[in-house]
Amino acid sequence: MYLPNETLLLIGQHIDPLIKKPNYLELARVCRHWYSLFTPQLYSDIRIDASQLPALVRSVHENPRLGTYIRRFILRWWDSWDEEEGDYDPELLRFLAKKASHSLEEAEKWKTSLKKTNTDAWFAVLLMYMPNMTTLDIDHSGNSDFVKRMLCRAAYREKPFDRIPGLQNLETVRIPNEDRNKAFYPACEIVPFFHLPKVRFLQGETVIENEYDKRDDHPAQKAAKGTSPIQRIKFNNCNGRKGFTEFIASCANLQEFEYQHSNQEIWGETYIGFRPCLFYKALLTQKHSLQVLRLNDGGDHEMTDMGEEGEEEEDSHPDDWFGSLKEFIYLRELRIRIRNLFDYGRENKTPSLSLQEILPSSLEYLVLANYDVLQYSVINSNLHELLSRREEFPNLRKIEIQPGEAERIYPAKSVIYWKDNFQAPIGARESFREIERVCGEVGVEFGYCFGGMIRVLS
């Protein structure tokens, strides 16, 4: 008795995710029928280290159908330095170099780098064999001229992508960075993704805007305003000295933007503080669509620039006021530091605008981050006024305070759980008791949350 294919696939789908691939491999080895049935499942989700790239390229080159099965590709342990020459088939190297290049001179550079097991070159040629990939997750660090070149050509359907749909089905791009202390990712490496037709989500770490952002004359190295289909951008531990205006303004309908700042731009060289007003100017281009804004509620703040000065605008100052959000008529969630939400001025005076004048009526969820006891009177009076005008904010359902200080809670048996080991200082809890009561009366949930840099009280 034979089980139908649907049943076999169902069995494979319910294997524990931690051991899914080894079992798919074993299932594919049972017989020819099972090989044809489970091989697409095996190759649909690939996670490899950079050292395994040449072997994967050889496999998909010898059997191109395997490459068409790949939907999600994860690459770790990137190494862009040339290593010792590998023992590769010269014919394969010549074929790959010729297929990827636009000139004989370029082909020689490809061949040399491939022979020296350069991660950049091997991953770049692999892009020619994954036409149906929807998710790309690469832990990148270092130079990536070959990949950047291929991304540009894919974006404009140039050789070798004039006959194959390279990256045309890509929807999600993640660029983590496990070496956050020293590695960085120049903005020019990301621009081509904004030209691809189906990308909706872009997540990056240690992305920077500075002189290392060197570009060639390819049109895919310049973002076009209001054309990208990207709807969600998440930048963590990044330094956008120019407010990432190029990325934001290129989106046609950006719905979600999250940015967590790192003062460090280039390790040991330049440190640039957070400039919220530059992000405000960029995000104004998305006021017609933005629904979620999480702006440095957990990143670095309050510092003087060190090192080389950037070409900043005269009215741009570190840790300044962000700007009014009244025109963001679709904004549902806002997470922002109190210092950036209110217009304190550069002398830390009383804010000139109230929450009622700053926030849009569409808001549902508000997080006031990095609260300090010195800000209590401003927050208390503004929240009271906001809640007294509940009819102007009909969708508001939750308000949270994110303290800059926290008390540690030690659960039973001295075990510390990450999600439950902090609470707001008793002074803050007592101070906002009346606000909590008023919130309950008008149907708004009130609470505390923790994130970013917290000073833990003993």
Protein backbone atom coordinates (compact mmCIF):
# COMPACT_ATOMS: atom_id res chain seq x y z
CA MET A 1 0.00 0.00 0.00
CA TYR A 2 1.36 3.38 -1.03
CA LEU A 3 0.66 6.62 0.78
CA PRO A 4 -0.51 9.46 -1.48
CA ASN A 5 1.91 12.33 -2.10
CA GLU A 6 -0.28 14.73 -0.14
CA THR A 7 0.01 12.55 2.97
CA LEU A 8 3.77 12.18 2.63
CA LEU A 9 4.21 15.94 2.27
CA LEU A 10 1.97 16.53 5.27
CA ILE A 11 4.14 14.22 7.35
CA GLY A 12 7.25 16.10 6.23
CA GLN A 13 5.71 19.49 7.08
CA HIS A 14 5.02 18.46 10.67
CA ILE A 15 8.55 17.42 11.50
CA ASP A 16 10.14 19.48 14.29
CA PRO A 17 11.60 22.64 12.61
CA LEU A 18 14.92 22.12 14.38
CA ILE A 19 15.48 18.82 12.58
CA LYS A 20 13.44 19.44 9.43
CA LYS A 21 16.27 19.52 6.92
CA PRO A 22 18.14 16.40 8.06
CA ASN A 23 14.89 14.43 7.91
CA TYR A 24 13.97 15.85 4.51
CA LEU A 25 17.38 14.72 3.34
CA GLU A 26 16.85 11.22 4.68
CA LEU A 27 13.37 11.07 3.14
CA ALA A 28 14.74 12.17 -0.23
CA ARG A 29 17.25 9.30 -0.13
CA VAL A 30 14.64 6.55 0.25
CA CYS A 31 13.79 6.10 -3.44
CA ARG A 32 13.52 8.00 -6.71
CA HIS A 33 9.89 8.88 -6.13
CA TRP A 34 10.59 10.30 -2.69
CA TYR A 35 13.62 12.12 -4.07
CA SER A 36 11.47 13.97 -6.58
CA LEU A 37 8.85 14.62 -3.90
CA PHE A 38 11.04 15.87 -1.04
CA THR A 39 13.94 17.54 -2.84
CA PRO A 40 11.91 20.74 -3.46
CA GLN A 41 11.14 20.84 0.28
CA LEU A 42 14.79 20.29 1.14
CA TYR A 43 16.00 23.15 -1.07
CA SER A 44 13.15 25.57 -0.37
CA ASP A 45 14.84 26.84 2.80
CA ILE A 46 18.65 27.02 2.60
CA ARG A 47 20.90 28.13 5.47
CA ILE A 48 24.64 27.86 4.92
CA ASP A 49 27.95 29.38 5.96
CA ALA A 50 30.08 31.24 3.44
CA SER A 51 32.51 28.31 3.22
CA GLN A 52 29.70 26.18 1.73
CA LEU A 53 28.92 28.58 -1.13
CA PRO A 54 31.14 26.94 -3.80
CA ALA A 55 29.56 23.54 -3.18
CA LEU A 56 26.05 24.96 -3.50
CA VAL A 57 26.96 26.83 -6.68
CA ARG A 58 28.32 23.62 -8.20
CA SER A 59 25.11 21.78 -7.29
CA VAL A 60 22.73 24.32 -8.82
CA HIS A 61 24.99 24.72 -11.85
CA GLU A 62 24.93 20.99 -12.55
CA ASN A 63 21.20 20.78 -11.81
CA PRO A 64 19.61 24.23 -12.32
CA ARG A 65 16.22 22.93 -11.20
CA LEU A 66 17.55 22.79 -7.62
CA GLY A 67 18.06 26.55 -7.68
CA THR A 68 14.45 27.12 -8.70
CA TYR A 69 13.32 25.39 -5.50
CA ILE A 70 15.03 27.94 -3.24
CA ARG A 71 12.57 30.32 -1.60
CA ARG A 72 14.45 31.43 1.51
CA PHE A 73 18.22 31.79 1.55
CA ILE A 74 20.25 32.51 4.71
CA LEU A 75 24.00 33.13 4.57
CA ARG A 76 26.25 33.43 7.64
CA TRP A 77 29.95 33.95 8.33
CA TRP A 78 30.60 36.26 5.41
CA ASP A 79 34.26 36.71 4.53
CA SER A 80 35.19 39.12 1.75
CA TRP A 81 38.94 38.64 1.93
CA ASP A 82 40.57 36.48 -0.70
CA GLU A 83 41.72 33.17 0.70
CA GLU A 84 44.15 30.63 -0.69
CA GLU A 85 43.28 29.36 -4.14
CA GLY A 86 40.74 26.58 -4.06
CA ASP A 87 40.75 23.40 -6.09
CA TYR A 88 37.96 24.30 -8.51
CA ASP A 89 37.12 23.08 -11.98
CA PRO A 90 38.68 25.65 -14.37
CA GLU A 91 35.85 25.16 -16.85
CA LEU A 92 33.27 25.97 -14.18
CA LEU A 93 35.11 29.15 -13.20
CA ARG A 94 35.38 30.26 -16.82
CA PHE A 95 31.68 29.57 -17.41
CA LEU A 96 30.58 31.47 -14.30
CA ALA A 97 32.86 34.42 -15.02
CA LYS A 98 31.69 34.69 -18.62
CA LYS A 99 28.02 34.40 -17.67
CA ALA A 100 28.25 37.10 -14.99
CA SER A 101 30.49 39.64 -16.72
CA HIS A 102 30.01 42.30 -19.38
CA SER A 103 33.58 42.35 -20.65
CA LEU A 104 36.71 40.22 -20.91
CA GLU A 105 38.46 42.37 -18.34
CA GLU A 106 35.61 41.95 -15.89
CA ALA A 107 35.54 38.20 -16.54
CA GLU A 108 39.18 37.92 -15.49
CA LYS A 109 38.42 39.69 -12.20
CA TRP A 110 35.53 37.34 -11.55
CA LYS A 111 37.63 34.28 -12.32
CA THR A 112 40.48 35.41 -10.07
CA SER A 113 38.18 36.13 -7.12
CA LEU A 114 36.26 32.88 -7.55
CA LYS A 115 39.49 30.93 -7.61
CA LYS A 116 40.53 32.59 -4.34
CA THR A 117 37.24 31.61 -2.67
CA ASN A 118 36.07 35.18 -2.27
CA THR A 119 32.65 35.11 -0.58
CA ASP A 120 31.51 38.23 -2.43
CA ALA A 121 32.19 36.66 -5.83
CA TRP A 122 30.69 33.24 -5.04
CA PHE A 123 27.50 34.65 -3.56
CA ALA A 124 27.16 37.05 -6.49
CA VAL A 125 27.21 34.20 -9.04
CA LEU A 126 24.77 32.21 -6.92
CA LEU A 127 22.22 34.99 -7.44
CA MET A 128 21.98 33.85 -11.07
CA TYR A 129 20.58 30.48 -9.97
CA MET A 130 17.81 31.47 -7.52
CA PRO A 131 15.04 33.00 -9.69
CA ASN A 132 12.21 32.18 -7.28
CA MET A 133 13.82 33.36 -4.04
CA THR A 134 11.42 35.40 -1.89
CA THR A 135 13.51 35.89 1.29
CA LEU A 136 17.18 36.86 1.47
CA ASP A 137 18.98 36.93 4.83
CA ILE A 138 22.71 37.66 4.66
CA ASP A 139 25.03 38.39 7.57
CA HIS A 140 27.28 40.73 5.67
CA SER A 141 30.48 42.45 6.65
CA GLY A 142 33.15 43.91 4.44
CA ASN A 143 33.44 44.81 0.79
CA SER A 144 30.86 43.47 -1.66
CA ASP A 145 31.58 44.99 -5.07
CA PHE A 146 30.51 41.87 -6.96
CA VAL A 147 27.20 41.51 -5.13
CA LYS A 148 26.45 45.20 -5.52
CA ARG A 149 27.13 44.90 -9.24
CA MET A 150 24.80 41.92 -9.60
CA LEU A 151 22.04 43.60 -7.58
CA CYS A 152 22.18 46.61 -9.88
CA ARG A 153 21.99 44.42 -12.97
CA ALA A 154 19.10 42.42 -11.53
CA ALA A 155 17.21 45.61 -10.74
CA TYR A 156 17.51 46.79 -14.35
CA ARG A 157 17.20 43.34 -15.96
CA GLU A 158 20.66 43.55 -17.50
CA LYS A 159 22.87 40.59 -18.42
CA PRO A 160 22.86 37.96 -16.97
CA PHE A 161 19.31 38.79 -15.80
CA ASP A 162 18.01 39.78 -19.22
CA ARG A 163 16.77 36.21 -19.78
CA ILE A 164 16.26 34.94 -16.22
CA PRO A 165 14.07 36.55 -13.52
CA GLY A 166 16.88 37.19 -11.06
CA LEU A 167 15.56 38.63 -7.76
CA GLN A 168 12.30 39.66 -9.43
CA ASN A 169 10.36 37.60 -6.87
CA LEU A 170 12.28 38.83 -3.82
CA GLU A 171 9.91 40.11 -1.09
CA THR A 172 11.91 40.19 2.17
CA VAL A 173 15.50 41.34 2.74
CA ARG A 174 17.29 40.99 6.08
CA ILE A 175 20.86 42.13 6.65
CA PRO A 176 21.89 41.27 10.23
CA ASN A 177 25.40 41.82 11.52
CA GLU A 178 26.92 39.62 14.20
CA ASP A 179 30.05 41.80 14.41
CA ARG A 180 28.30 45.01 15.52
CA ASN A 181 31.37 46.56 17.12
CA LYS A 182 33.47 47.13 14.01
CA ALA A 183 31.59 46.06 10.89
CA PHE A 184 29.29 48.39 8.97
CA TYR A 185 27.15 48.31 5.86
CA PRO A 186 27.34 51.35 3.52
CA ALA A 187 23.97 52.66 2.34
CA CYS A 188 24.97 52.26 -1.31
CA GLU A 189 24.85 48.47 -0.86
CA ILE A 190 21.13 48.67 -0.09
CA VAL A 191 19.87 51.10 -2.74
CA PRO A 192 19.38 48.45 -5.49
CA PHE A 193 16.79 46.65 -3.35
CA PHE A 194 14.58 49.73 -3.66
CA HIS A 195 14.43 49.16 -7.43
CA LEU A 196 13.20 45.56 -7.24
CA PRO A 197 9.49 45.11 -8.05
CA LYS A 198 8.29 42.90 -5.19
CA VAL A 199 10.36 43.78 -2.12
CA ARG A 200 8.04 44.76 0.74
CA PHE A 201 10.20 44.46 3.87
CA LEU A 202 13.79 45.60 4.43
CA GLN A 203 15.64 45.05 7.70
CA GLY A 204 19.24 46.10 8.27
CA GLU A 205 21.83 46.44 11.04
CA THR A 206 24.87 48.73 11.24
CA VAL A 207 23.88 50.58 8.07
CA ILE A 208 25.64 53.95 7.77
CA GLU A 209 25.64 57.06 5.59
CA ASN A 210 29.12 58.53 5.14
CA GLU A 211 32.12 58.78 2.81
CA TYR A 212 32.35 54.99 2.59
CA ASP A 213 29.10 55.18 0.63
CA LYS A 214 30.91 55.08 -2.72
CA ARG A 215 28.80 54.57 -5.82
CA ASP A 216 29.35 54.05 -9.49
CA ASP A 217 27.31 55.54 -12.30
CA HIS A 218 24.79 52.72 -12.56
CA PRO A 219 21.20 54.07 -12.29
CA ALA A 220 20.34 51.44 -9.68
CA GLN A 221 22.79 53.21 -7.35
CA LYS A 222 20.40 56.15 -7.13
CA ALA A 223 16.98 55.82 -5.53
CA ALA A 224 13.99 57.20 -7.43
CA LYS A 225 11.51 59.14 -5.31
CA GLY A 226 8.12 57.58 -4.70
CA THR A 227 8.67 54.44 -6.78
CA SER A 228 9.72 51.61 -4.43
CA PRO A 229 7.08 49.07 -3.31
CA ILE A 230 8.82 48.64 0.07
CA GLN A 231 6.25 49.08 2.85
CA ARG A 232 8.25 48.21 5.98
CA ILE A 233 11.75 49.36 6.95
CA LYS A 234 13.51 48.34 10.14
CA PHE A 235 16.99 49.66 10.95
CA ASN A 236 18.69 48.57 14.17
CA ASN A 237 22.00 49.80 15.57
CA CYS A 238 22.44 52.08 12.55
CA ASN A 239 23.80 55.59 12.01
CA GLY A 240 21.78 57.66 9.58
CA ARG A 241 23.58 60.99 9.69
CA LYS A 242 21.36 62.16 6.82
CA GLY A 243 18.14 60.69 8.15
CA PHE A 244 18.11 57.93 5.52
CA THR A 245 16.16 60.38 3.38
CA GLU A 246 17.08 58.58 0.18
CA PHE A 247 15.54 55.30 1.35
CA ILE A 248 12.43 56.78 2.92
CA ALA A 249 11.59 59.18 0.10
CA SER A 250 11.98 56.46 -2.52
CA CYS A 251 9.02 54.52 -1.06
CA ALA A 252 5.65 54.95 -2.72
CA ASN A 253 3.62 54.00 0.36
CA LEU A 254 5.77 53.31 3.42
CA GLN A 255 3.60 51.90 6.20
CA GLU A 256 6.06 51.01 8.95
CA PHE A 257 9.39 52.57 9.90
CA GLU A 258 11.62 51.61 12.82
CA TYR A 259 15.01 53.12 13.54
CA GLN A 260 17.29 52.48 16.51
CA HIS A 261 20.35 54.72 16.52
CA SER A 262 23.98 53.89 17.23
CA ASN A 263 26.28 56.82 17.97
CA GLN A 264 29.15 54.81 16.48
CA GLU A 265 29.48 55.33 12.76
CA ILE A 266 32.99 54.04 12.09
CA TRP A 267 34.59 52.23 15.00
CA GLY A 268 37.38 54.34 16.47
CA GLU A 269 36.88 57.13 13.89
CA THR A 270 33.52 58.88 13.81
CA TYR A 271 30.61 59.07 16.23
CA ILE A 272 27.50 60.93 15.09
CA GLY A 273 24.55 61.68 17.37
CA PHE A 274 20.89 61.09 16.59
CA ARG A 275 19.30 63.85 14.46
CA PRO A 276 15.53 63.38 14.60
CA CYS A 277 14.64 66.45 12.54
CA LEU A 278 16.32 64.94 9.47
CA PHE A 279 14.19 61.82 9.82
CA TYR A 280 11.13 64.04 10.21
CA LYS A 281 11.78 65.79 6.90
CA ALA A 282 12.22 62.43 5.19
CA LEU A 283 9.11 60.89 6.76
CA LEU A 284 6.96 63.84 5.70
CA THR A 285 7.08 62.27 2.24
CA GLN A 286 5.19 59.30 3.72
CA LYS A 287 2.55 61.12 5.80
CA HIS A 288 -0.10 59.79 3.41
CA SER A 289 0.63 56.15 4.33
CA LEU A 290 2.74 55.75 7.50
CA GLN A 291 0.96 53.65 10.15
CA VAL A 292 3.73 52.58 12.56
CA LEU A 293 6.67 54.72 13.71
CA ARG A 294 9.24 53.45 16.22
CA LEU A 295 11.88 56.14 16.34
CA ASN A 296 14.93 55.48 18.51
CA ASP A 297 12.92 54.50 21.57
CA GLY A 298 15.68 52.04 22.47
CA GLY A 299 18.81 53.36 20.75
CA ASP A 300 21.71 55.68 21.63
CA HIS A 301 21.02 59.35 22.32
CA GLU A 302 22.45 62.50 23.87
CA MET A 303 25.99 62.89 22.63
CA THR A 304 28.25 65.40 20.91
CA ASP A 305 29.62 64.38 17.53
CA MET A 306 33.21 63.15 17.49
CA GLY A 307 35.54 62.70 14.56
CA GLU A 308 34.96 63.87 11.02
CA GLU A 309 32.05 66.26 10.62
CA GLY A 310 29.32 65.31 8.19
CA GLU A 311 27.61 67.60 5.73
CA GLU A 312 24.63 68.26 7.99
CA GLU A 313 22.03 70.96 7.58
CA GLU A 314 22.40 74.05 9.75
CA ASP A 315 19.13 73.42 11.62
CA SER A 316 20.05 69.82 12.40
CA HIS A 317 21.15 69.21 15.98
CA PRO A 318 21.70 66.00 17.92
CA ASP A 319 18.71 64.89 20.01
CA ASP A 320 16.52 67.76 18.88
CA TRP A 321 12.73 67.89 18.47
CA PHE A 322 11.32 65.49 15.89
CA GLY A 323 8.31 67.52 14.74
CA SER A 324 4.51 67.55 14.76
CA LEU A 325 2.71 64.41 13.61
CA LYS A 326 -0.68 66.01 13.04
CA GLU A 327 -0.44 65.51 9.28
CA PHE A 328 0.25 61.76 9.61
CA ILE A 329 -3.43 60.94 9.36
CA TYR A 330 -3.00 57.13 9.23
CA LEU A 331 -0.50 56.76 12.10
CA ARG A 332 -1.64 54.04 14.53
CA GLU A 333 1.44 53.31 16.65
CA LEU A 334 4.09 55.73 17.91
CA ARG A 335 7.15 54.84 20.00
CA ILE A 336 9.42 57.81 20.63
CA ARG A 337 11.59 59.35 23.33
CA ILE A 338 9.89 62.11 25.31
CA ARG A 339 12.83 64.40 24.57
CA ASN A 340 12.17 64.09 20.84
CA LEU A 341 8.37 64.15 20.99
CA PHE A 342 8.11 67.49 22.79
CA ASP A 343 9.59 70.76 21.56
CA TYR A 344 11.71 71.57 24.59
CA GLY A 345 14.00 73.87 22.65
CA ARG A 346 17.76 73.81 22.98
CA GLU A 347 17.66 75.23 26.50
CA ASN A 348 15.31 72.53 27.83
CA LYS A 349 12.47 74.95 28.46
CA THR A 350 8.81 74.06 28.78
CA PRO A 351 7.50 72.55 25.51
CA SER A 352 5.70 75.02 23.27
CA LEU A 353 3.27 72.40 21.89
CA SER A 354 1.04 69.96 23.76
CA LEU A 355 0.39 66.31 22.92
CA GLN A 356 -3.00 67.33 21.60
CA GLU A 357 -1.28 69.61 19.09
CA ILE A 358 1.40 67.07 18.14
CA LEU A 359 -0.43 63.74 17.82
CA PRO A 360 -2.82 62.72 15.03
CA SER A 361 -6.38 61.69 15.84
CA SER A 362 -5.77 58.27 14.24
CA LEU A 363 -3.34 57.16 17.00
CA GLU A 364 -4.13 53.88 18.78
CA TYR A 365 -0.95 53.07 20.72
CA LEU A 366 1.49 55.56 22.28
CA VAL A 367 4.80 54.74 24.00
CA LEU A 368 6.58 57.60 25.78
CA ALA A 369 10.15 56.34 26.00
CA ASN A 370 13.12 57.21 28.21
CA TYR A 371 11.02 58.87 30.90
CA ASP A 372 12.93 60.81 33.56
CA VAL A 373 11.46 62.06 36.83
CA LEU A 374 12.29 65.64 35.81
CA GLN A 375 9.78 65.28 32.97
CA TYR A 376 6.93 64.29 35.26
CA SER A 377 5.07 67.61 35.35
CA VAL A 378 5.12 67.92 31.55
CA ILE A 379 3.96 64.33 30.97
CA ASN A 380 1.33 64.44 33.70
CA SER A 381 -0.31 67.65 32.49
CA ASN A 382 -0.18 66.63 28.84
CA LEU A 383 -1.67 63.19 29.44
CA HIS A 384 -4.46 64.70 31.53
CA GLU A 385 -5.28 67.13 28.73
CA LEU A 386 -5.10 64.38 26.12
CA LEU A 387 -7.46 62.12 28.05
CA SER A 388 -9.87 64.97 28.74
CA ARG A 389 -10.23 65.37 24.98
CA ARG A 390 -10.87 61.70 24.36
CA GLU A 391 -13.33 62.51 21.58
CA GLU A 392 -10.49 63.99 19.51
CA PHE A 393 -8.59 60.68 19.74
CA PRO A 394 -11.36 58.10 19.32
CA ASN A 395 -9.00 55.23 18.41
CA LEU A 396 -6.61 55.60 21.36
CA ARG A 397 -6.57 52.31 23.28
CA LYS A 398 -3.18 52.07 25.01
CA ILE A 399 -0.54 54.34 26.57
CA GLU A 400 2.75 53.06 27.97
CA ILE A 401 5.60 54.77 29.80
CA GLN A 402 9.10 53.43 29.14
CA PRO A 403 11.22 54.56 32.12
CA GLY A 404 14.89 55.38 31.79
CA GLU A 405 15.33 53.66 35.16
CA ALA A 406 14.00 50.33 36.36
CA GLU A 407 13.97 48.13 39.43
CA ARG A 408 15.03 44.53 39.04
CA ILE A 409 12.64 41.81 40.16
CA TYR A 410 14.05 38.48 41.30
CA PRO A 411 11.47 35.72 40.77
CA ALA A 412 11.21 32.63 42.93
CA LYS A 413 14.33 30.44 43.18
CA SER A 414 16.47 33.44 42.11
CA VAL A 415 15.79 32.77 38.43
CA ILE A 416 15.78 35.95 36.33
CA TYR A 417 13.45 35.95 33.35
CA TRP A 418 14.15 38.53 30.66
CA LYS A 419 10.49 39.45 30.09
CA ASP A 420 9.58 39.74 33.75
CA ASN A 421 12.66 40.94 35.61
CA PHE A 422 12.01 44.71 35.48
CA GLN A 423 9.42 47.01 36.95
CA ALA A 424 8.99 50.78 36.97
CA PRO A 425 10.50 52.51 40.03
CA ILE A 426 8.00 52.93 42.83
CA GLY A 427 8.23 56.71 42.49
CA ALA A 428 7.08 56.57 38.87
CA ARG A 429 4.28 54.14 39.69
CA GLU A 430 3.00 56.36 42.47
CA SER A 431 3.28 59.49 40.34
CA PHE A 432 1.20 58.08 37.50
CA ARG A 433 -1.43 56.44 39.70
CA GLU A 434 -3.93 59.20 38.90
CA ILE A 435 -3.23 58.96 35.17
CA GLU A 436 -3.80 55.22 35.35
CA ARG A 437 -7.15 55.82 37.04
CA VAL A 438 -8.26 58.36 34.43
CA CYS A 439 -7.18 56.00 31.63
CA GLY A 440 -9.38 53.30 33.09
CA GLU A 441 -12.35 55.67 33.20
CA VAL A 442 -12.08 56.60 29.53
CA GLY A 443 -11.30 53.09 28.27
CA VAL A 444 -7.56 53.44 27.65
CA GLU A 445 -5.11 50.80 28.88
CA PHE A 446 -2.13 52.20 30.83
CA GLY A 447 1.12 50.47 31.68
CA TYR A 448 4.92 50.39 31.55
CA CYS A 449 7.34 48.80 29.11
CA PHE A 450 11.11 48.41 29.02
CA GLY A 451 13.62 48.53 26.21
CA GLY A 452 16.89 50.06 25.10
CA MET A 453 19.39 51.36 27.63
CA ILE A 454 17.94 51.18 31.16
CA ARG A 455 19.70 52.26 34.34
CA VAL A 456 18.92 49.47 36.79
CA LEU A 457 18.34 50.70 40.33
CA SER A 458 19.84 48.63 43.12
